[in-house]
Protein backbone atom coordinates (compact mmCIF):
# COMPACT_ATOMS: atom_id res chain seq x y z
CA MET A 1 -7.86 10.12 -11.46
CA PRO A 2 -9.80 10.97 -8.32
CA LYS A 3 -11.68 14.27 -8.34
CA ASN A 4 -9.25 15.85 -5.88
CA ALA A 5 -6.18 14.92 -7.97
CA ALA A 6 -5.46 18.56 -8.76
CA GLU A 7 -4.96 19.18 -5.03
CA THR A 8 -2.65 16.18 -4.59
CA ARG A 9 1.00 16.74 -3.76
CA PHE A 10 3.93 14.39 -3.27
CA PHE A 11 5.91 14.55 -0.04
CA PHE A 12 9.24 13.05 1.06
CA ASP A 13 10.08 12.73 4.75
CA GLY A 14 13.63 11.42 4.30
CA GLU A 15 12.52 7.80 4.45
CA ARG A 16 9.55 7.43 2.12
CA MET A 17 7.74 9.27 -0.62
CA PHE A 18 3.99 9.65 -0.17
CA MET A 19 0.94 11.56 -1.28
CA ASP A 20 -2.34 12.26 0.44
CA ILE A 21 -5.27 11.43 -1.83
CA ASN A 22 -8.81 10.04 -1.74
CA LEU A 23 -8.67 6.58 -3.36
CA GLY A 24 -11.96 5.11 -2.22
CA LYS A 25 -13.10 2.77 0.53
CA ILE A 26 -12.79 -0.81 1.77
CA LYS A 27 -15.68 -2.53 3.54
CA PHE A 28 -14.56 -5.23 6.00
CA PHE A 29 -16.64 -7.68 8.05
CA ASN A 30 -14.66 -8.94 11.03
CA LYS A 31 -15.19 -12.28 12.82
CA GLU A 32 -17.05 -10.60 15.67
CA GLY A 33 -19.71 -9.42 13.23
CA SER A 34 -18.95 -5.75 12.85
CA GLU A 35 -18.98 -3.97 9.52
CA GLU A 36 -16.06 -1.57 9.22
CA ILE A 37 -15.44 1.01 6.50
CA TYR A 38 -11.91 2.21 5.81
CA THR A 39 -11.09 5.18 3.56
CA ALA A 40 -7.86 5.13 1.54
CA ASN A 41 -6.14 8.42 2.21
CA LYS A 42 -2.43 7.96 1.55
CA ILE A 43 -0.02 6.19 -0.80
CA GLU A 44 3.56 5.52 0.32
CA LEU A 45 6.40 4.24 -1.85
CA HIS A 46 9.30 2.40 -0.19
CA THR A 47 12.47 1.49 -2.05
CA PRO A 48 13.72 -1.06 -1.39
CA ALA A 49 10.63 -2.89 -0.14
CA GLU A 50 10.00 -3.06 3.61
CA HIS A 51 8.61 -6.59 3.61
CA TYR A 52 9.79 -9.90 2.20
CA ILE A 53 7.84 -12.65 0.43
CA THR A 54 9.26 -16.18 0.24
CA LEU A 55 8.86 -17.73 -3.20
CA SER A 56 10.40 -21.07 -4.25
CA LYS A 57 12.35 -21.27 -0.97
CA GLN A 58 13.99 -17.89 -1.65
CA THR A 59 13.27 -14.60 0.06
CA PRO A 60 14.42 -11.81 -2.24
CA ARG A 61 13.80 -8.18 -1.36
CA ALA A 62 11.57 -6.45 -3.90
CA SER A 63 12.83 -3.23 -5.45
CA LEU A 64 9.72 -1.20 -4.65
CA GLU A 65 6.78 -1.55 -2.28
CA MET A 66 3.65 0.58 -2.44
CA HIS A 67 1.40 0.99 0.60
CA ILE A 68 -2.18 2.17 0.25
CA ILE A 69 -3.12 3.30 3.75
CA HIS A 70 -6.77 3.23 4.83
CA LYS A 71 -8.08 4.97 7.94
CA LEU A 72 -11.04 3.55 9.87
CA GLU A 73 -14.02 5.74 9.04
CA THR A 74 -16.97 3.94 10.66
CA THR A 75 -17.91 0.74 12.40
CA ASP A 76 -21.36 -0.47 13.37
CA LEU A 77 -20.04 -2.36 16.43
CA VAL A 78 -17.36 -0.31 18.18
CA GLN A 79 -16.69 -2.89 20.92
CA ALA A 80 -15.89 -5.64 18.38
CA THR A 81 -13.66 -3.36 16.31
CA ASN A 82 -11.76 -2.19 19.40
CA LEU A 83 -11.01 -5.81 20.36
CA LYS A 84 -9.04 -6.31 17.13
CA MET A 85 -7.85 -2.89 15.98
CA GLU A 86 -5.56 -0.68 18.03
CA VAL A 87 -4.20 1.48 15.22
CA LYS A 88 -7.53 1.98 13.42
CA GLN A 89 -6.10 1.56 9.94
CA ALA A 90 -5.64 -1.02 7.22
CA ILE A 91 -2.72 -1.15 4.79
CA VAL A 92 -2.60 -2.82 1.39
CA ALA A 93 1.01 -3.53 0.37
CA ILE A 94 2.00 -4.22 -3.24
CA GLN A 95 5.51 -5.24 -4.21
CA PHE A 96 7.16 -4.60 -7.58
CA ILE A 97 10.00 -6.74 -8.92
CA VAL A 98 12.66 -5.26 -11.17
CA GLY A 99 13.79 -7.32 -14.13
CA ASP A 100 13.91 -7.52 -17.86
CA ILE A 101 10.59 -6.74 -19.53
CA GLU A 102 9.65 -10.43 -19.80
CA GLU A 103 10.08 -11.05 -16.06
CA GLY A 104 9.95 -7.65 -14.41
CA ASP A 105 7.34 -5.05 -13.81
CA LYS A 106 6.32 -3.01 -16.86
CA MET A 107 5.87 0.19 -14.84
CA LEU A 108 9.36 0.03 -13.33
CA ASN A 109 10.88 -0.84 -16.70
CA ALA A 110 9.18 2.23 -18.17
CA PHE A 111 10.99 4.32 -15.52
CA GLY A 112 14.30 2.77 -16.58
CA PHE A 113 14.69 0.26 -13.75
CA ASN A 114 15.71 -3.22 -14.84
CA SER A 115 17.83 -6.15 -13.65
CA LYS A 116 21.01 -4.34 -14.77
CA ASN A 117 20.55 -1.24 -12.58
CA LYS A 118 18.78 -2.44 -9.42
């Protein structure tokens, strides 16, 4: 757990559950040559998932999607970063599929979610 985990709290705004927490950094080198550093500062959980992924010509909606939101901390070439980034953040989205233990996600199954109670 991050050092500030004791200060972490969960929030619900009526649409999504989230927590503010320090989860580390991402270093990104964009095509224009700038080095950007993003700090992960929030986790959001969306159920059902917001986004869709097409697999085997089917586009099912995942049961849960987790967003790790990163805020732009620094860039060594502001002009290049501003050409590409208007919102100044990066989001990593991870989808979880509900199913029986052989095919589904172990974490969701541990919470009691499976293909019978989607």
